[in-house]
């Protein structure tokens, strides 16, 4: 019998982070049978917060129906072809 992933998820360090704005952690999760992408950033609370300097996770969730953008390493060579060039 397969493992029931309902209402569970995983989050792991993003080994392909190319820019500072990319998430520090990525993963996926299942909520009530619907699959989602999960992204997480490590942030530090500002001076005006209740706990200045404290580190915390900032999270974003996106339905898996929405394609995750490809990194340059994941793109196929034919995706770089420009048919508008006359030669």
PDB file of N, CA and C in Angstrom:
ATOM      1  N   UNK A   1       0.849  -1.188   0.000  1.00  0.00           N
ATOM      2  CA  UNK A   1       0.000   0.000   0.000  1.00  0.00           C
ATOM      3  C   UNK A   1       0.892   1.248   0.000  1.00  0.00           C
ATOM      4  N   UNK A   2       0.675   2.202  -0.943  1.00  0.00           N
ATOM      5  CA  UNK A   2       1.517   3.404  -1.005  1.00  0.00           C
ATOM      6  C   UNK A   2       1.295   4.308   0.204  1.00  0.00           C
ATOM      7  N   UNK A   3       2.311   5.093   0.493  1.00  0.00           N
ATOM      8  CA  UNK A   3       2.268   6.035   1.607  1.00  0.00           C
ATOM      9  C   UNK A   3       1.269   7.143   1.312  1.00  0.00           C
ATOM     10  N   UNK A   4       0.421   7.475   2.255  1.00  0.00           N
ATOM     11  CA  UNK A   4      -0.565   8.549   2.105  1.00  0.00           C
ATOM     12  C   UNK A   4       0.107   9.888   2.411  1.00  0.00           C
ATOM     13  N   UNK A   5       0.282  10.717   1.383  1.00  0.00           N
ATOM     14  CA  UNK A   5       0.950  12.014   1.523  1.00  0.00           C
ATOM     15  C   UNK A   5      -0.014  13.165   1.839  1.00  0.00           C
ATOM     16  N   UNK A   6      -1.287  12.848   2.047  1.00  0.00           N
ATOM     17  CA  UNK A   6      -2.270  13.896   2.314  1.00  0.00           C
ATOM     18  C   UNK A   6      -1.867  14.684   3.559  1.00  0.00           C
ATOM     19  N   UNK A   7      -1.873  16.013   3.421  1.00  0.00           N
ATOM     20  CA  UNK A   7      -1.562  16.945   4.507  1.00  0.00           C
ATOM     21  C   UNK A   7      -0.129  16.798   5.030  1.00  0.00           C
ATOM     22  N   UNK A   8       0.801  16.471   4.128  1.00  0.00           N
ATOM     23  CA  UNK A   8       2.217  16.397   4.480  1.00  0.00           C
ATOM     24  C   UNK A   8       3.021  17.144   3.424  1.00  0.00           C
ATOM     25  N   UNK A   9       4.293  17.339   3.691  1.00  0.00           N
ATOM     26  CA  UNK A   9       5.149  17.995   2.715  1.00  0.00           C
ATOM     27  C   UNK A   9       6.613  17.858   3.085  1.00  0.00           C
ATOM     28  N   UNK A  10       7.468  18.361   2.195  1.00  0.00           N
ATOM     29  CA  UNK A  10       8.904  18.353   2.434  1.00  0.00           C
ATOM     30  C   UNK A  10       9.465  19.718   2.075  1.00  0.00           C
ATOM     31  N   UNK A  11      10.536  20.093   2.739  1.00  0.00           N
ATOM     32  CA  UNK A  11      11.234  21.340   2.476  1.00  0.00           C
ATOM     33  C   UNK A  11      12.716  21.043   2.624  1.00  0.00           C
ATOM     34  N   UNK A  12      13.490  21.352   1.567  1.00  0.00           N
ATOM     35  CA  UNK A  12      14.928  21.072   1.603  1.00  0.00           C
ATOM     36  C   UNK A  12      15.697  22.270   1.068  1.00  0.00           C
ATOM     37  N   UNK A  13      16.972  22.345   1.416  1.00  0.00           N
ATOM     38  CA  UNK A  13      17.816  23.457   0.980  1.00  0.00           C
ATOM     39  C   UNK A  13      17.837  23.537  -0.541  1.00  0.00           C
ATOM     40  N   UNK A  14      17.720  24.732  -1.084  1.00  0.00           N
ATOM     41  CA  UNK A  14      17.726  24.963  -2.525  1.00  0.00           C
ATOM     42  C   UNK A  14      19.170  24.962  -3.017  1.00  0.00           C
ATOM     43  N   UNK A  15      19.599  23.857  -3.585  1.00  0.00           N
ATOM     44  CA  UNK A  15      20.976  23.711  -4.073  1.00  0.00           C
ATOM     45  C   UNK A  15      21.200  24.456  -5.385  1.00  0.00           C
ATOM     46  N   UNK A  16      20.120  24.915  -6.037  1.00  0.00           N
ATOM     47  CA  UNK A  16      20.236  25.597  -7.328  1.00  0.00           C
ATOM     48  C   UNK A  16      19.986  27.108  -7.219  1.00  0.00           C
ATOM     49  N   UNK A  17      20.122  27.664  -6.040  1.00  0.00           N
ATOM     50  CA  UNK A  17      19.895  29.095  -5.847  1.00  0.00           C
ATOM     51  C   UNK A  17      20.927  29.875  -6.654  1.00  0.00           C
ATOM     52  N   UNK A  18      20.455  30.725  -7.584  1.00  0.00           N
ATOM     53  CA  UNK A  18      21.338  31.481  -8.457  1.00  0.00           C
ATOM     54  C   UNK A  18      21.352  32.970  -8.125  1.00  0.00           C
ATOM     55  N   UNK A  19      20.283  33.471  -7.501  1.00  0.00           N
ATOM     56  CA  UNK A  19      20.169  34.884  -7.153  1.00  0.00           C
ATOM     57  C   UNK A  19      19.776  35.008  -5.689  1.00  0.00           C
ATOM     58  N   UNK A  20      20.050  36.143  -5.105  1.00  0.00           N
ATOM     59  CA  UNK A  20      19.701  36.387  -3.706  1.00  0.00           C
ATOM     60  C   UNK A  20      18.188  36.307  -3.482  1.00  0.00           C
ATOM     61  N   UNK A  21      17.401  36.612  -4.516  1.00  0.00           N
ATOM     62  CA  UNK A  21      15.941  36.595  -4.377  1.00  0.00           C
ATOM     63  C   UNK A  21      15.346  35.187  -4.472  1.00  0.00           C
ATOM     64  N   UNK A  22      16.108  34.221  -4.966  1.00  0.00           N
ATOM     65  CA  UNK A  22      15.608  32.842  -5.042  1.00  0.00           C
ATOM     66  C   UNK A  22      15.442  32.288  -3.625  1.00  0.00           C
ATOM     67  N   UNK A  23      14.497  31.361  -3.444  1.00  0.00           N
ATOM     68  CA  UNK A  23      14.279  30.816  -2.099  1.00  0.00           C
ATOM     69  C   UNK A  23      15.483  30.043  -1.575  1.00  0.00           C
ATOM     70  N   UNK A  24      15.659  30.100  -0.251  1.00  0.00           N
ATOM     71  CA  UNK A  24      16.721  29.342   0.412  1.00  0.00           C
ATOM     72  C   UNK A  24      16.343  27.863   0.497  1.00  0.00           C
ATOM     73  N   UNK A  25      15.043  27.591   0.550  1.00  0.00           N
ATOM     74  CA  UNK A  25      14.527  26.226   0.651  1.00  0.00           C
ATOM     75  C   UNK A  25      13.379  26.055  -0.339  1.00  0.00           C
ATOM     76  N   UNK A  26      13.233  24.857  -0.911  1.00  0.00           N
ATOM     77  CA  UNK A  26      12.121  24.547  -1.800  1.00  0.00           C
ATOM     78  C   UNK A  26      11.585  23.162  -1.471  1.00  0.00           C
ATOM     79  N   UNK A  27      10.377  22.912  -1.889  1.00  0.00           N
ATOM     80  CA  UNK A  27       9.788  21.598  -1.659  1.00  0.00           C
ATOM     81  C   UNK A  27       8.370  21.555  -2.185  1.00  0.00           C
ATOM     82  N   UNK A  28       7.627  20.603  -1.673  1.00  0.00           N
ATOM     83  CA  UNK A  28       6.236  20.489  -2.060  1.00  0.00           C
ATOM     84  C   UNK A  28       5.425  20.010  -0.879  1.00  0.00           C
ATOM     85  N   UNK A  29       4.112  20.183  -1.017  1.00  0.00           N
ATOM     86  CA  UNK A  29       3.216  19.757   0.055  1.00  0.00           C
ATOM     87  C   UNK A  29       1.862  19.401  -0.535  1.00  0.00           C
ATOM     88  N   UNK A  30       1.124  18.630   0.212  1.00  0.00           N
ATOM     89  CA  UNK A  30      -0.201  18.195  -0.177  1.00  0.00           C
ATOM     90  C   UNK A  30      -1.167  18.691   0.887  1.00  0.00           C
ATOM     91  N   UNK A  31      -2.177  19.447   0.467  1.00  0.00           N
ATOM     92  CA  UNK A  31      -3.195  19.922   1.402  1.00  0.00           C
ATOM     93  C   UNK A  31      -4.544  19.429   0.911  1.00  0.00           C
ATOM     94  N   UNK A  32      -5.152  18.565   1.691  1.00  0.00           N
ATOM     95  CA  UNK A  32      -6.457  17.986   1.340  1.00  0.00           C
ATOM     96  C   UNK A  32      -6.480  17.393  -0.064  1.00  0.00           C
ATOM     97  N   UNK A  33      -5.383  16.753  -0.485  1.00  0.00           N
ATOM     98  CA  UNK A  33      -5.319  16.076  -1.767  1.00  0.00           C
ATOM     99  C   UNK A  33      -4.842  16.946  -2.923  1.00  0.00           C
ATOM    100  N   UNK A  34      -4.605  18.244  -2.696  1.00  0.00           N
ATOM    101  CA  UNK A  34      -4.117  19.142  -3.743  1.00  0.00           C
ATOM    102  C   UNK A  34      -2.627  19.380  -3.545  1.00  0.00           C
ATOM    103  N   UNK A  35      -1.849  19.268  -4.641  1.00  0.00           N
ATOM    104  CA  UNK A  35      -0.398  19.423  -4.582  1.00  0.00           C
ATOM    105  C   UNK A  35       0.013  20.887  -4.757  1.00  0.00           C
ATOM    106  N   UNK A  36       1.002  21.324  -3.969  1.00  0.00           N
ATOM    107  CA  UNK A  36       1.510  22.683  -3.996  1.00  0.00           C
ATOM    108  C   UNK A  36       3.031  22.695  -4.000  1.00  0.00           C
ATOM    109  N   UNK A  37       3.623  23.743  -4.629  1.00  0.00           N
ATOM    110  CA  UNK A  37       5.053  24.022  -4.493  1.00  0.00           C
ATOM    111  C   UNK A  37       5.226  24.847  -3.226  1.00  0.00           C
ATOM    112  N   UNK A  38       6.314  24.645  -2.513  1.00  0.00           N
ATOM    113  CA  UNK A  38       6.600  25.367  -1.288  1.00  0.00           C
ATOM    114  C   UNK A  38       7.974  26.014  -1.404  1.00  0.00           C
ATOM    115  N   UNK A  39       8.062  27.301  -1.106  1.00  0.00           N
ATOM    116  CA  UNK A  39       9.331  28.028  -1.128  1.00  0.00           C
ATOM    117  C   UNK A  39       9.518  28.699   0.218  1.00  0.00           C
ATOM    118  N   UNK A  40      10.768  28.742   0.690  1.00  0.00           N
ATOM    119  CA  UNK A  40      11.049  29.356   1.985  1.00  0.00           C
ATOM    120  C   UNK A  40      12.329  30.176   1.971  1.00  0.00           C
ATOM    121  N   UNK A  41      12.283  31.307   2.641  1.00  0.00           N
ATOM    122  CA  UNK A  41      13.435  32.194   2.774  1.00  0.00           C
ATOM    123  C   UNK A  41      13.751  32.384   4.247  1.00  0.00           C
ATOM    124  N   UNK A  42      15.025  32.414   4.594  1.00  0.00           N
ATOM    125  CA  UNK A  42      15.434  32.741   5.955  1.00  0.00           C
ATOM    126  C   UNK A  42      15.562  34.255   6.017  1.00  0.00           C
ATOM    127  N   UNK A  43      14.833  34.870   6.928  1.00  0.00           N
ATOM    128  CA  UNK A  43      14.842  36.325   7.066  1.00  0.00           C
ATOM    129  C   UNK A  43      15.198  36.696   8.494  1.00  0.00           C
ATOM    130  N   UNK A  44      15.535  37.958   8.680  1.00  0.00           N
ATOM    131  CA  UNK A  44      15.860  38.480  10.003  1.00  0.00           C
ATOM    132  C   UNK A  44      14.901  39.625  10.307  1.00  0.00           C
ATOM    133  N   UNK A  45      14.265  39.572  11.468  1.00  0.00           N
ATOM    134  CA  UNK A  45      13.309  40.604  11.867  1.00  0.00           C
ATOM    135  C   UNK A  45      14.002  41.954  11.991  1.00  0.00           C
ATOM    136  N   UNK A  46      13.317  42.989  11.524  1.00  0.00           N
ATOM    137  CA  UNK A  46      13.853  44.345  11.554  1.00  0.00           C
ATOM    138  C   UNK A  46      13.778  44.987  12.928  1.00  0.00           C
ATOM    139  N   UNK A  47      14.341  46.173  13.024  1.00  0.00           N
ATOM    140  CA  UNK A  47      14.397  46.912  14.299  1.00  0.00           C
ATOM    141  C   UNK A  47      13.021  47.237  14.850  1.00  0.00           C
ATOM    142  N   UNK A  48      12.022  47.421  13.992  1.00  0.00           N
ATOM    143  CA  UNK A  48      10.688  47.811  14.439  1.00  0.00           C
ATOM    144  C   UNK A  48       9.791  46.631  14.793  1.00  0.00           C
ATOM    145  N   UNK A  49      10.323  45.409  14.742  1.00  0.00           N
ATOM    146  CA  UNK A  49       9.507  44.241  15.067  1.00  0.00           C
ATOM    147  C   UNK A  49       9.541  43.975  16.569  1.00  0.00           C
ATOM    148  N   UNK A  50       8.712  43.031  17.006  1.00  0.00           N
ATOM    149  CA  UNK A  50       8.679  42.660  18.432  1.00  0.00           C
ATOM    150  C   UNK A  50       9.976  42.008  18.874  1.00  0.00           C
ATOM    151  N   UNK A  51      10.636  41.288  17.946  1.00  0.00           N
ATOM    152  CA  UNK A  51      11.874  40.572  18.267  1.00  0.00           C
ATOM    153  C   UNK A  51      12.967  40.939  17.272  1.00  0.00           C
ATOM    154  N   UNK A  52      13.517  42.154  17.348  1.00  0.00           N
ATOM    155  CA  UNK A  52      14.534  42.566  16.365  1.00  0.00           C
ATOM    156  C   UNK A  52      15.721  41.609  16.337  1.00  0.00           C
ATOM    157  N   UNK A  53      16.184  41.325  15.117  1.00  0.00           N
ATOM    158  CA  UNK A  53      17.340  40.454  14.949  1.00  0.00           C
ATOM    159  C   UNK A  53      17.031  38.966  14.953  1.00  0.00           C
ATOM    160  N   UNK A  54      15.805  38.591  15.310  1.00  0.00           N
ATOM    161  CA  UNK A  54      15.435  37.176  15.357  1.00  0.00           C
ATOM    162  C   UNK A  54      15.242  36.642  13.942  1.00  0.00           C
ATOM    163  N   UNK A  55      15.775  35.449  13.669  1.00  0.00           N
ATOM    164  CA  UNK A  55      15.633  34.809  12.356  1.00  0.00           C
ATOM    165  C   UNK A  55      14.295  34.063  12.309  1.00  0.00           C
ATOM    166  N   UNK A  56      13.712  34.045  11.095  1.00  0.00           N
ATOM    167  CA  UNK A  56      12.439  33.352  10.904  1.00  0.00           C
ATOM    168  C   UNK A  56      12.332  32.910   9.453  1.00  0.00           C
ATOM    169  N   UNK A  57      11.376  32.004   9.183  1.00  0.00           N
ATOM    170  CA  UNK A  57      11.091  31.563   7.817  1.00  0.00           C
ATOM    171  C   UNK A  57       9.961  32.405   7.247  1.00  0.00           C
ATOM    172  N   UNK A  58      10.124  32.828   6.008  1.00  0.00           N
ATOM    173  CA  UNK A  58       9.057  33.437   5.227  1.00  0.00           C
ATOM    174  C   UNK A  58       8.706  32.402   4.153  1.00  0.00           C
ATOM    175  N   UNK A  59       7.428  32.061   4.031  1.00  0.00           N
ATOM    176  CA  UNK A  59       7.014  30.976   3.140  1.00  0.00           C
ATOM    177  C   UNK A  59       6.079  31.466   2.043  1.00  0.00           C
ATOM    178  N   UNK A  60       6.128  30.780   0.894  1.00  0.00           N
ATOM    179  CA  UNK A  60       5.204  31.020  -0.207  1.00  0.00           C
ATOM    180  C   UNK A  60       4.713  29.669  -0.709  1.00  0.00           C
ATOM    181  N   UNK A  61       3.437  29.589  -1.037  1.00  0.00           N
ATOM    182  CA  UNK A  61       2.818  28.362  -1.529  1.00  0.00           C
ATOM    183  C   UNK A  61       2.166  28.676  -2.875  1.00  0.00           C
ATOM    184  N   UNK A  62       2.371  27.779  -3.855  1.00  0.00           N
ATOM    185  CA  UNK A  62       1.815  27.968  -5.199  1.00  0.00           C
ATOM    186  C   UNK A  62       1.291  26.628  -5.699  1.00  0.00           C
ATOM    187  N   UNK A  63       0.090  26.603  -6.274  1.00  0.00           N
ATOM    188  CA  UNK A  63      -0.437  25.334  -6.808  1.00  0.00           C
ATOM    189  C   UNK A  63       0.511  24.741  -7.847  1.00  0.00           C
ATOM    190  N   UNK A  64       0.654  23.421  -7.848  1.00  0.00           N
ATOM    191  CA  UNK A  64       1.552  22.765  -8.798  1.00  0.00           C
ATOM    192  C   UNK A  64       1.070  22.914 -10.231  1.00  0.00           C
ATOM    193  N   UNK A  65      -0.171  23.290 -10.449  1.00  0.00           N
ATOM    194  CA  UNK A  65      -0.669  23.512 -11.806  1.00  0.00           C
ATOM    195  C   UNK A  65       0.114  24.628 -12.473  1.00  0.00           C
ATOM    196  N   UNK A  66       0.599  25.590 -11.684  1.00  0.00           N
ATOM    197  CA  UNK A  66       1.402  26.676 -12.221  1.00  0.00           C
ATOM    198  C   UNK A  66       2.828  26.173 -12.361  1.00  0.00           C
ATOM    199  N   UNK A  67       3.380  26.212 -13.570  1.00  0.00           N
ATOM    200  CA  UNK A  67       4.733  25.717 -13.825  1.00  0.00           C
ATOM    201  C   UNK A  67       5.752  26.516 -13.040  1.00  0.00           C
ATOM    202  N   UNK A  68       6.689  25.831 -12.437  1.00  0.00           N
ATOM    203  CA  UNK A  68       7.822  26.479 -11.797  1.00  0.00           C
ATOM    204  C   UNK A  68       8.757  26.954 -12.910  1.00  0.00           C
ATOM    205  N   UNK A  69       9.231  28.221 -12.870  1.00  0.00           N
ATOM    206  CA  UNK A  69      10.122  28.685 -13.945  1.00  0.00           C
ATOM    207  C   UNK A  69      11.404  27.864 -13.988  1.00  0.00           C
ATOM    208  N   UNK A  70      11.874  27.590 -15.210  1.00  0.00           N
ATOM    209  CA  UNK A  70      13.092  26.798 -15.378  1.00  0.00           C
ATOM    210  C   UNK A  70      14.328  27.668 -15.175  1.00  0.00           C
ATOM    211  N   UNK A  71      15.353  27.078 -14.573  1.00  0.00           N
ATOM    212  CA  UNK A  71      16.639  27.747 -14.507  1.00  0.00           C
ATOM    213  C   UNK A  71      17.323  27.546 -15.851  1.00  0.00           C
ATOM    214  N   UNK A  72      18.366  28.310 -16.138  1.00  0.00           N
ATOM    215  CA  UNK A  72      19.089  28.148 -17.401  1.00  0.00           C
ATOM    216  C   UNK A  72      19.599  26.720 -17.570  1.00  0.00           C
ATOM    217  N   UNK A  73      20.026  26.099 -16.478  1.00  0.00           N
ATOM    218  CA  UNK A  73      20.576  24.742 -16.543  1.00  0.00           C
ATOM    219  C   UNK A  73      19.500  23.731 -16.931  1.00  0.00           C
ATOM    220  N   UNK A  74      18.227  24.015 -16.615  1.00  0.00           N
ATOM    221  CA  UNK A  74      17.149  23.087 -16.909  1.00  0.00           C
ATOM    222  C   UNK A  74      16.575  23.270 -18.318  1.00  0.00           C
ATOM    223  N   UNK A  75      16.834  24.409 -18.957  1.00  0.00           N
ATOM    224  CA  UNK A  75      16.278  24.672 -20.272  1.00  0.00           C
ATOM    225  C   UNK A  75      16.978  23.840 -21.333  1.00  0.00           C
ATOM    226  N   UNK A  76      16.225  23.400 -22.318  1.00  0.00           N
ATOM    227  CA  UNK A  76      16.766  22.615 -23.413  1.00  0.00           C
ATOM    228  C   UNK A  76      17.364  23.563 -24.448  1.00  0.00           C
ATOM    229  N   UNK A  77      18.403  23.137 -25.159  1.00  0.00           N
ATOM    230  CA  UNK A  77      19.024  24.005 -26.174  1.00  0.00           C
ATOM    231  C   UNK A  77      18.039  24.553 -27.194  1.00  0.00           C
ATOM    232  N   UNK A  78      17.031  23.771 -27.590  1.00  0.00           N
ATOM    233  CA  UNK A  78      16.088  24.256 -28.602  1.00  0.00           C
ATOM    234  C   UNK A  78      15.244  25.426 -28.101  1.00  0.00           C
ATOM    235  N   UNK A  79      15.189  25.644 -26.778  1.00  0.00           N
ATOM    236  CA  UNK A  79      14.445  26.778 -26.246  1.00  0.00           C
ATOM    237  C   UNK A  79      15.174  28.090 -26.495  1.00  0.00           C
ATOM    238  N   UNK A  80      16.434  28.028 -26.914  1.00  0.00           N
ATOM    239  CA  UNK A  80      17.206  29.219 -27.182  1.00  0.00           C
ATOM    240  C   UNK A  80      17.179  29.606 -28.661  1.00  0.00           C
ATOM    241  N   UNK A  81      16.536  28.801 -29.501  1.00  0.00           N
ATOM    242  CA  UNK A  81      16.516  29.052 -30.940  1.00  0.00           C
ATOM    243  C   UNK A  81      15.606  30.238 -31.242  1.00  0.00           C
ATOM    244  N   UNK A  82      16.115  31.179 -32.038  1.00  0.00           N
ATOM    245  CA  UNK A  82      15.355  32.346 -32.451  1.00  0.00           C
ATOM    246  C   UNK A  82      15.150  32.264 -33.955  1.00  0.00           C
ATOM    247  N   UNK A  83      13.926  31.944 -34.382  1.00  0.00           N
ATOM    248  CA  UNK A  83      13.640  31.775 -35.806  1.00  0.00           C
ATOM    249  C   UNK A  83      13.607  33.110 -36.564  1.00  0.00           C
ATOM    250  N   UNK A  84      13.703  34.216 -35.882  1.00  0.00           N
ATOM    251  CA  UNK A  84      13.663  35.527 -36.520  1.00  0.00           C
ATOM    252  C   UNK A  84      14.994  35.908 -37.145  1.00  0.00           C
ATOM    253  N   UNK A  85      16.066  35.233 -36.808  1.00  0.00           N
ATOM    254  CA  UNK A  85      17.381  35.547 -37.367  1.00  0.00           C
ATOM    255  C   UNK A  85      17.429  35.023 -38.808  1.00  0.00           C
ATOM    256  N   UNK A  86      17.772  35.888 -39.818  1.00  0.00           N
ATOM    257  CA  UNK A  86      17.688  35.494 -41.220  1.00  0.00           C
ATOM    258  C   UNK A  86      18.814  34.611 -41.725  1.00  0.00           C
ATOM    259  N   UNK A  87      19.753  34.219 -40.911  1.00  0.00           N
ATOM    260  CA  UNK A  87      20.846  33.377 -41.414  1.00  0.00           C
ATOM    261  C   UNK A  87      20.992  32.111 -40.626  1.00  0.00           C
TER     262      UNK A  87
END
